[in-house]
Amino acid sequence: MINPSTTSDFDPVVHIVDDDEAVLDSLKTLLNSLNINNATYSNGQEFLDAIAATEIHTLTGCVVMDVRMPGISGIECQQALKDLGCNLPIIFVTGHGDVPMAVQAIKEGAIEFIQKPYREQELIDCIQSAIQQNIQSQQNILYAREVALRIHSLTSREQEVMRRVISGQANKTIATELHLSQRTIDIHRANVMEKMQATSLADLVTMVLTQD
């Protein structure tokens, strides 16, 4: 099960997309019994319209979607989601799946391909894993944005000193190359560590790597 402490800042939703009303009702009942937020859609276009009306980059959760649906197929819906910039993990469920279709779905980023009939626990395990994966991804994105703001708060000189520090240069060497006193470099370095909220050089390097 998902650890509540890891989801306190997020509101994950499982989006169920299937043209079979009985499947929608069944999955909704199952997820409700586990207190997992969910929303149902009877076809791919309905889902795409709903997603397009939201702040897509903030969405947390996953998608459980049938492959074969009238109108827009699951694979086509998957591509449309990518075009919209939606990074929700997709679990495909189908009673008609074959190997080529599964391979295509996985290549396009689906995390699982489950054939009907399936065990409820198998699907729940996939959903739990997908949500955890998505939350971690969202946390990484938010952290990278926070680091970017911290870097932006540095003066141009502090950024120059930081680049040299994380490349492994000693303060004395930096002072010589920038024609400054070592004391001045010491102060710049201290300011960098404080503004970046870094507790060590390794911590600082890790932060900067999030921007690559």
C-alpha atoms as a PDB file:
ATOM      1  CA  MET A   1       0.000   0.000   0.000  1.00  0.00           C
ATOM      2  CA  ILE A   2       1.024   3.629  -0.454  1.00  0.00           C
ATOM      3  CA  ASN A   3       2.636   5.196   2.582  1.00  0.00           C
ATOM      4  CA  PRO A   4       0.447   8.202   3.500  1.00  0.00           C
ATOM      5  CA  SER A   5       3.525  10.183   4.513  1.00  0.00           C
ATOM      6  CA  THR A   6       4.774  10.108   0.918  1.00  0.00           C
ATOM      7  CA  THR A   7       1.524  11.392  -0.542  1.00  0.00           C
ATOM      8  CA  SER A   8       0.632  14.163   1.920  1.00  0.00           C
ATOM      9  CA  ASP A   9       1.602  16.896  -0.548  1.00  0.00           C
ATOM     10  CA  PHE A  10      -0.118  15.219  -3.491  1.00  0.00           C
ATOM     11  CA  ASP A  11      -3.641  14.178  -4.388  1.00  0.00           C
ATOM     12  CA  PRO A  12      -3.180  11.175  -6.696  1.00  0.00           C
ATOM     13  CA  VAL A  13      -6.114  10.123  -8.867  1.00  0.00           C
ATOM     14  CA  VAL A  14      -6.526   6.912 -10.855  1.00  0.00           C
ATOM     15  CA  HIS A  15      -8.131   7.774 -14.199  1.00  0.00           C
ATOM     16  CA  ILE A  16     -10.096   4.798 -15.568  1.00  0.00           C
ATOM     17  CA  VAL A  17     -10.808   4.884 -19.316  1.00  0.00           C
ATOM     18  CA  ASP A  18     -12.986   2.090 -20.718  1.00  0.00           C
ATOM     19  CA  ASP A  19     -16.025   1.898 -22.973  1.00  0.00           C
ATOM     20  CA  ASP A  20     -17.447  -0.993 -20.912  1.00  0.00           C
ATOM     21  CA  GLU A  21     -19.693   0.518 -18.226  1.00  0.00           C
ATOM     22  CA  ALA A  22     -19.551  -2.666 -16.154  1.00  0.00           C
ATOM     23  CA  VAL A  23     -15.744  -2.444 -16.045  1.00  0.00           C
ATOM     24  CA  LEU A  24     -15.879   1.211 -15.005  1.00  0.00           C
ATOM     25  CA  ASP A  25     -18.343   0.452 -12.208  1.00  0.00           C
ATOM     26  CA  SER A  26     -16.335  -2.546 -11.029  1.00  0.00           C
ATOM     27  CA  LEU A  27     -13.017  -0.698 -10.906  1.00  0.00           C
ATOM     28  CA  LYS A  28     -14.577   2.354  -9.296  1.00  0.00           C
ATOM     29  CA  THR A  29     -16.089   0.178  -6.553  1.00  0.00           C
ATOM     30  CA  LEU A  30     -12.766  -1.589  -6.029  1.00  0.00           C
ATOM     31  CA  LEU A  31     -10.756   1.629  -5.772  1.00  0.00           C
ATOM     32  CA  ASN A  32     -13.345   3.284  -3.534  1.00  0.00           C
ATOM     33  CA  SER A  33     -13.103   0.319  -1.158  1.00  0.00           C
ATOM     34  CA  LEU A  34      -9.367   1.058  -0.863  1.00  0.00           C
ATOM     35  CA  ASN A  35      -9.881   4.816  -0.473  1.00  0.00           C
ATOM     36  CA  ILE A  36      -8.058   5.517  -3.727  1.00  0.00           C
ATOM     37  CA  ASN A  37      -9.259   8.627  -5.544  1.00  0.00           C
ATOM     38  CA  ASN A  38     -10.516   7.827  -9.021  1.00  0.00           C
ATOM     39  CA  ALA A  39     -12.367   9.227 -12.016  1.00  0.00           C
ATOM     40  CA  THR A  40     -14.039   7.315 -14.840  1.00  0.00           C
ATOM     41  CA  TYR A  41     -14.365   8.051 -18.561  1.00  0.00           C
ATOM     42  CA  SER A  42     -16.349   6.095 -21.149  1.00  0.00           C
ATOM     43  CA  ASN A  43     -13.955   6.818 -24.022  1.00  0.00           C
ATOM     44  CA  GLY A  44     -10.569   8.285 -24.838  1.00  0.00           C
ATOM     45  CA  GLN A  45     -11.870  11.617 -26.134  1.00  0.00           C
ATOM     46  CA  GLU A  46     -13.817  12.260 -22.934  1.00  0.00           C
ATOM     47  CA  PHE A  47     -10.639  11.649 -20.954  1.00  0.00           C
ATOM     48  CA  LEU A  48      -8.509  13.864 -23.212  1.00  0.00           C
ATOM     49  CA  ASP A  49     -11.034  16.696 -22.949  1.00  0.00           C
ATOM     50  CA  ALA A  50     -11.013  16.457 -19.161  1.00  0.00           C
ATOM     51  CA  ILE A  51      -7.216  16.371 -18.982  1.00  0.00           C
ATOM     52  CA  ALA A  52      -6.823  19.298 -21.384  1.00  0.00           C
ATOM     53  CA  ALA A  53      -8.902  21.470 -19.028  1.00  0.00           C
ATOM     54  CA  THR A  54      -6.473  20.948 -16.120  1.00  0.00           C
ATOM     55  CA  GLU A  55      -2.958  22.046 -15.219  1.00  0.00           C
ATOM     56  CA  ILE A  56      -1.473  18.930 -16.772  1.00  0.00           C
ATOM     57  CA  HIS A  57       1.994  19.231 -15.242  1.00  0.00           C
ATOM     58  CA  THR A  58       0.517  19.119 -11.727  1.00  0.00           C
ATOM     59  CA  LEU A  59      -1.474  15.895 -12.193  1.00  0.00           C
ATOM     60  CA  THR A  60      -0.518  13.009  -9.923  1.00  0.00           C
ATOM     61  CA  GLY A  61      -1.719   9.420 -10.140  1.00  0.00           C
ATOM     62  CA  CYS A  62      -2.004   7.071 -13.111  1.00  0.00           C
ATOM     63  CA  VAL A  63      -4.229   5.961 -15.983  1.00  0.00           C
ATOM     64  CA  VAL A  64      -5.895   2.556 -16.325  1.00  0.00           C
ATOM     65  CA  MET A  65      -7.046   2.328 -19.921  1.00  0.00           C
ATOM     66  CA  ASP A  66      -8.538  -0.193 -22.322  1.00  0.00           C
ATOM     67  CA  VAL A  67      -6.647  -0.585 -25.584  1.00  0.00           C
ATOM     68  CA  ARG A  68      -9.581  -1.202 -27.908  1.00  0.00           C
ATOM     69  CA  MET A  69     -12.245   1.487 -27.673  1.00  0.00           C
ATOM     70  CA  PRO A  70     -14.555   3.045 -30.281  1.00  0.00           C
ATOM     71  CA  GLY A  71     -13.305   6.322 -31.686  1.00  0.00           C
ATOM     72  CA  ILE A  72      -9.864   6.947 -30.227  1.00  0.00           C
ATOM     73  CA  SER A  73      -8.011   3.750 -29.346  1.00  0.00           C
ATOM     74  CA  GLY A  74      -5.954   3.417 -26.186  1.00  0.00           C
ATOM     75  CA  ILE A  75      -2.719   3.642 -28.175  1.00  0.00           C
ATOM     76  CA  GLU A  76      -3.918   6.813 -29.925  1.00  0.00           C
ATOM     77  CA  CYS A  77      -5.001   8.271 -26.599  1.00  0.00           C
ATOM     78  CA  GLN A  78      -1.565   7.466 -25.196  1.00  0.00           C
ATOM     79  CA  GLN A  79       0.090   9.437 -27.999  1.00  0.00           C
ATOM     80  CA  ALA A  80      -2.311  12.346 -27.523  1.00  0.00           C
ATOM     81  CA  LEU A  81      -1.438  12.447 -23.812  1.00  0.00           C
ATOM     82  CA  LYS A  82       2.253  12.634 -24.697  1.00  0.00           C
ATOM     83  CA  ASP A  83       1.533  15.498 -27.089  1.00  0.00           C
ATOM     84  CA  LEU A  84      -0.259  17.326 -24.260  1.00  0.00           C
ATOM     85  CA  GLY A  85       2.755  16.849 -22.004  1.00  0.00           C
ATOM     86  CA  CYS A  86       0.905  14.529 -19.626  1.00  0.00           C
ATOM     87  CA  ASN A  87       3.329  12.256 -17.762  1.00  0.00           C
ATOM     88  CA  LEU A  88       0.814  10.109 -15.890  1.00  0.00           C
ATOM     89  CA  PRO A  89       1.903   6.434 -15.982  1.00  0.00           C
ATOM     90  CA  ILE A  90      -0.399   4.280 -18.113  1.00  0.00           C
ATOM     91  CA  ILE A  91      -1.551   0.755 -17.341  1.00  0.00           C
ATOM     92  CA  PHE A  92      -3.215  -0.837 -20.358  1.00  0.00           C
ATOM     93  CA  VAL A  93      -5.941  -3.420 -19.784  1.00  0.00           C
ATOM     94  CA  THR A  94      -7.424  -5.409 -22.645  1.00  0.00           C
ATOM     95  CA  GLY A  95      -9.167  -8.618 -23.522  1.00  0.00           C
ATOM     96  CA  HIS A  96      -7.827  -8.546 -27.052  1.00  0.00           C
ATOM     97  CA  GLY A  97      -4.186  -7.681 -26.597  1.00  0.00           C
ATOM     98  CA  ASP A  98      -1.431  -9.269 -28.586  1.00  0.00           C
ATOM     99  CA  VAL A  99       2.340  -9.117 -28.422  1.00  0.00           C
ATOM    100  CA  PRO A 100       2.883  -6.409 -31.098  1.00  0.00           C
ATOM    101  CA  MET A 101       0.320  -4.160 -29.413  1.00  0.00           C
ATOM    102  CA  ALA A 102       1.908  -4.692 -26.006  1.00  0.00           C
ATOM    103  CA  VAL A 103       5.372  -3.941 -27.390  1.00  0.00           C
ATOM    104  CA  GLN A 104       4.134  -0.736 -29.017  1.00  0.00           C
ATOM    105  CA  ALA A 105       2.432   0.386 -25.816  1.00  0.00           C
ATOM    106  CA  ILE A 106       5.535  -0.253 -23.710  1.00  0.00           C
ATOM    107  CA  LYS A 107       7.786   1.496 -26.249  1.00  0.00           C
ATOM    108  CA  GLU A 108       5.520   4.524 -26.053  1.00  0.00           C
ATOM    109  CA  GLY A 109       5.904   4.622 -22.267  1.00  0.00           C
ATOM    110  CA  ALA A 110       3.188   2.388 -20.802  1.00  0.00           C
ATOM    111  CA  ILE A 111       4.389   0.795 -17.584  1.00  0.00           C
ATOM    112  CA  GLU A 112       2.214  -2.327 -17.738  1.00  0.00           C
ATOM    113  CA  PHE A 113      -0.008  -4.300 -20.108  1.00  0.00           C
ATOM    114  CA  ILE A 114      -2.550  -6.565 -18.392  1.00  0.00           C
ATOM    115  CA  GLN A 115      -4.905  -8.942 -20.150  1.00  0.00           C
ATOM    116  CA  LYS A 116      -8.456  -9.627 -19.043  1.00  0.00           C
ATOM    117  CA  PRO A 117      -9.457 -11.522 -17.057  1.00  0.00           C
ATOM    118  CA  TYR A 118      -6.998 -10.335 -14.413  1.00  0.00           C
ATOM    119  CA  ARG A 119      -6.735 -10.790 -10.680  1.00  0.00           C
ATOM    120  CA  GLU A 120      -7.856  -7.685  -8.795  1.00  0.00           C
ATOM    121  CA  GLN A 121      -4.745  -7.802  -6.630  1.00  0.00           C
ATOM    122  CA  GLU A 122      -2.543  -7.833  -9.724  1.00  0.00           C
ATOM    123  CA  LEU A 123      -4.159  -4.644 -10.979  1.00  0.00           C
ATOM    124  CA  ILE A 124      -4.076  -2.981  -7.558  1.00  0.00           C
ATOM    125  CA  ASP A 125      -0.378  -3.776  -7.208  1.00  0.00           C
ATOM    126  CA  CYS A 126       0.262  -2.179 -10.605  1.00  0.00           C
ATOM    127  CA  ILE A 127      -1.778   0.890  -9.668  1.00  0.00           C
ATOM    128  CA  GLN A 128       0.028   1.302  -6.340  1.00  0.00           C
ATOM    129  CA  SER A 129       3.384   0.998  -8.070  1.00  0.00           C
ATOM    130  CA  ALA A 130       2.384   3.469 -10.788  1.00  0.00           C
ATOM    131  CA  ILE A 131       1.219   6.058  -8.253  1.00  0.00           C
ATOM    132  CA  GLN A 132       4.411   5.741  -6.236  1.00  0.00           C
ATOM    133  CA  GLN A 133       6.450   6.104  -9.423  1.00  0.00           C
ATOM    134  CA  ASN A 134       4.504   9.190 -10.444  1.00  0.00           C
ATOM    135  CA  ILE A 135       4.752  10.807  -7.012  1.00  0.00           C
ATOM    136  CA  GLN A 136       8.515  10.286  -7.035  1.00  0.00           C
ATOM    137  CA  SER A 137       8.690  11.814 -10.499  1.00  0.00           C
ATOM    138  CA  GLN A 138       6.645  14.819  -9.387  1.00  0.00           C
ATOM    139  CA  GLN A 139       8.807  15.237  -6.290  1.00  0.00           C
ATOM    140  CA  ASN A 140      11.913  15.233  -8.482  1.00  0.00           C
ATOM    141  CA  ILE A 141      10.402  17.877 -10.761  1.00  0.00           C
ATOM    142  CA  LEU A 142       9.417  20.101  -7.845  1.00  0.00           C
ATOM    143  CA  TYR A 143      12.854  19.702  -6.277  1.00  0.00           C
ATOM    144  CA  ALA A 144      14.589  20.609  -9.554  1.00  0.00           C
ATOM    145  CA  ARG A 145      12.435  23.723  -9.815  1.00  0.00           C
ATOM    146  CA  GLU A 146      13.301  24.707  -6.246  1.00  0.00           C
ATOM    147  CA  VAL A 147      17.012  24.238  -6.955  1.00  0.00           C
ATOM    148  CA  ALA A 148      16.669  26.389 -10.078  1.00  0.00           C
ATOM    149  CA  LEU A 149      15.177  29.186  -7.951  1.00  0.00           C
ATOM    150  CA  ARG A 150      18.052  28.886  -5.476  1.00  0.00           C
ATOM    151  CA  ILE A 151      20.600  29.126  -8.281  1.00  0.00           C
ATOM    152  CA  HIS A 152      18.776  32.150  -9.657  1.00  0.00           C
ATOM    153  CA  SER A 153      19.132  33.823  -6.244  1.00  0.00           C
ATOM    154  CA  LEU A 154      22.952  33.681  -6.539  1.00  0.00           C
ATOM    155  CA  THR A 155      24.870  36.657  -7.886  1.00  0.00           C
ATOM    156  CA  SER A 156      26.793  36.142 -11.119  1.00  0.00           C
ATOM    157  CA  ARG A 157      30.033  35.978  -9.119  1.00  0.00           C
ATOM    158  CA  GLU A 158      28.584  33.416  -6.726  1.00  0.00           C
ATOM    159  CA  GLN A 159      27.439  31.298  -9.658  1.00  0.00           C
ATOM    160  CA  GLU A 160      30.943  31.472 -11.126  1.00  0.00           C
ATOM    161  CA  VAL A 161      32.452  30.409  -7.813  1.00  0.00           C
ATOM    162  CA  MET A 162      29.893  27.602  -7.488  1.00  0.00           C
ATOM    163  CA  ARG A 163      30.713  26.233 -10.931  1.00  0.00           C
ATOM    164  CA  ARG A 164      34.386  26.117 -10.040  1.00  0.00           C
ATOM    165  CA  VAL A 165      33.740  24.623  -6.606  1.00  0.00           C
ATOM    166  CA  ILE A 166      31.662  21.750  -7.981  1.00  0.00           C
ATOM    167  CA  SER A 167      34.330  21.102 -10.632  1.00  0.00           C
ATOM    168  CA  GLY A 168      36.716  20.356  -7.774  1.00  0.00           C
ATOM    169  CA  GLN A 169      38.791  23.536  -7.640  1.00  0.00           C
ATOM    170  CA  ALA A 170      40.159  24.638  -4.277  1.00  0.00           C
ATOM    171  CA  ASN A 171      39.381  28.127  -2.983  1.00  0.00           C
ATOM    172  CA  LYS A 172      43.015  29.183  -3.407  1.00  0.00           C
ATOM    173  CA  THR A 173      42.997  28.146  -7.064  1.00  0.00           C
ATOM    174  CA  ILE A 174      39.686  29.921  -7.697  1.00  0.00           C
ATOM    175  CA  ALA A 175      41.048  33.080  -6.067  1.00  0.00           C
ATOM    176  CA  THR A 176      44.125  33.032  -8.293  1.00  0.00           C
ATOM    177  CA  GLU A 177      42.166  32.462 -11.509  1.00  0.00           C
ATOM    178  CA  LEU A 178      39.578  35.142 -10.712  1.00  0.00           C
ATOM    179  CA  HIS A 179      42.207  37.580  -9.393  1.00  0.00           C
ATOM    180  CA  LEU A 180      40.505  37.833  -6.037  1.00  0.00           C
ATOM    181  CA  SER A 181      41.666  37.259  -2.473  1.00  0.00           C
ATOM    182  CA  GLN A 182      41.126  33.846  -0.944  1.00  0.00           C
ATOM    183  CA  ARG A 183      39.126  35.538   1.814  1.00  0.00           C
ATOM    184  CA  THR A 184      36.716  36.901  -0.813  1.00  0.00           C
ATOM    185  CA  ILE A 185      36.316  33.425  -2.324  1.00  0.00           C
ATOM    186  CA  ASP A 186      35.728  31.983   1.137  1.00  0.00           C
ATOM    187  CA  ILE A 187      32.881  34.461   1.623  1.00  0.00           C
ATOM    188  CA  HIS A 188      31.391  33.750  -1.812  1.00  0.00           C
ATOM    189  CA  ARG A 189      31.558  30.022  -1.166  1.00  0.00           C
ATOM    190  CA  ALA A 190      29.861  30.403   2.207  1.00  0.00           C
ATOM    191  CA  ASN A 191      27.118  32.491   0.584  1.00  0.00           C
ATOM    192  CA  VAL A 192      26.633  29.822  -2.081  1.00  0.00           C
ATOM    193  CA  MET A 193      26.249  27.072   0.495  1.00  0.00           C
ATOM    194  CA  GLU A 194      23.771  29.140   2.497  1.00  0.00           C
ATOM    195  CA  LYS A 195      21.620  30.253  -0.438  1.00  0.00           C
ATOM    196  CA  MET A 196      21.623  26.773  -1.959  1.00  0.00           C
ATOM    197  CA  GLN A 197      20.824  25.261   1.460  1.00  0.00           C
ATOM    198  CA  ALA A 198      23.607  22.742   0.881  1.00  0.00           C
ATOM    199  CA  THR A 199      25.060  20.916   3.868  1.00  0.00           C
ATOM    200  CA  SER A 200      28.134  19.623   2.038  1.00  0.00           C
ATOM    201  CA  LEU A 201      29.967  19.793  -1.279  1.00  0.00           C
ATOM    202  CA  ALA A 202      28.370  16.472  -2.270  1.00  0.00           C
ATOM    203  CA  ASP A 203      24.960  17.947  -1.502  1.00  0.00           C
ATOM    204  CA  LEU A 204      25.721  20.969  -3.668  1.00  0.00           C
ATOM    205  CA  VAL A 205      26.897  18.807  -6.576  1.00  0.00           C
ATOM    206  CA  THR A 206      23.742  16.691  -6.352  1.00  0.00           C
ATOM    207  CA  MET A 207      21.585  19.804  -6.517  1.00  0.00           C
ATOM    208  CA  VAL A 208      23.330  21.189  -9.567  1.00  0.00           C
ATOM    209  CA  LEU A 209      23.026  17.828 -11.340  1.00  0.00           C
ATOM    210  CA  THR A 210      19.222  18.142 -11.161  1.00  0.00           C
ATOM    211  CA  GLN A 211      19.518  20.950 -13.700  1.00  0.00           C
ATOM    212  CA  ASP A 212      21.130  18.745 -16.379  1.00  0.00           C
END
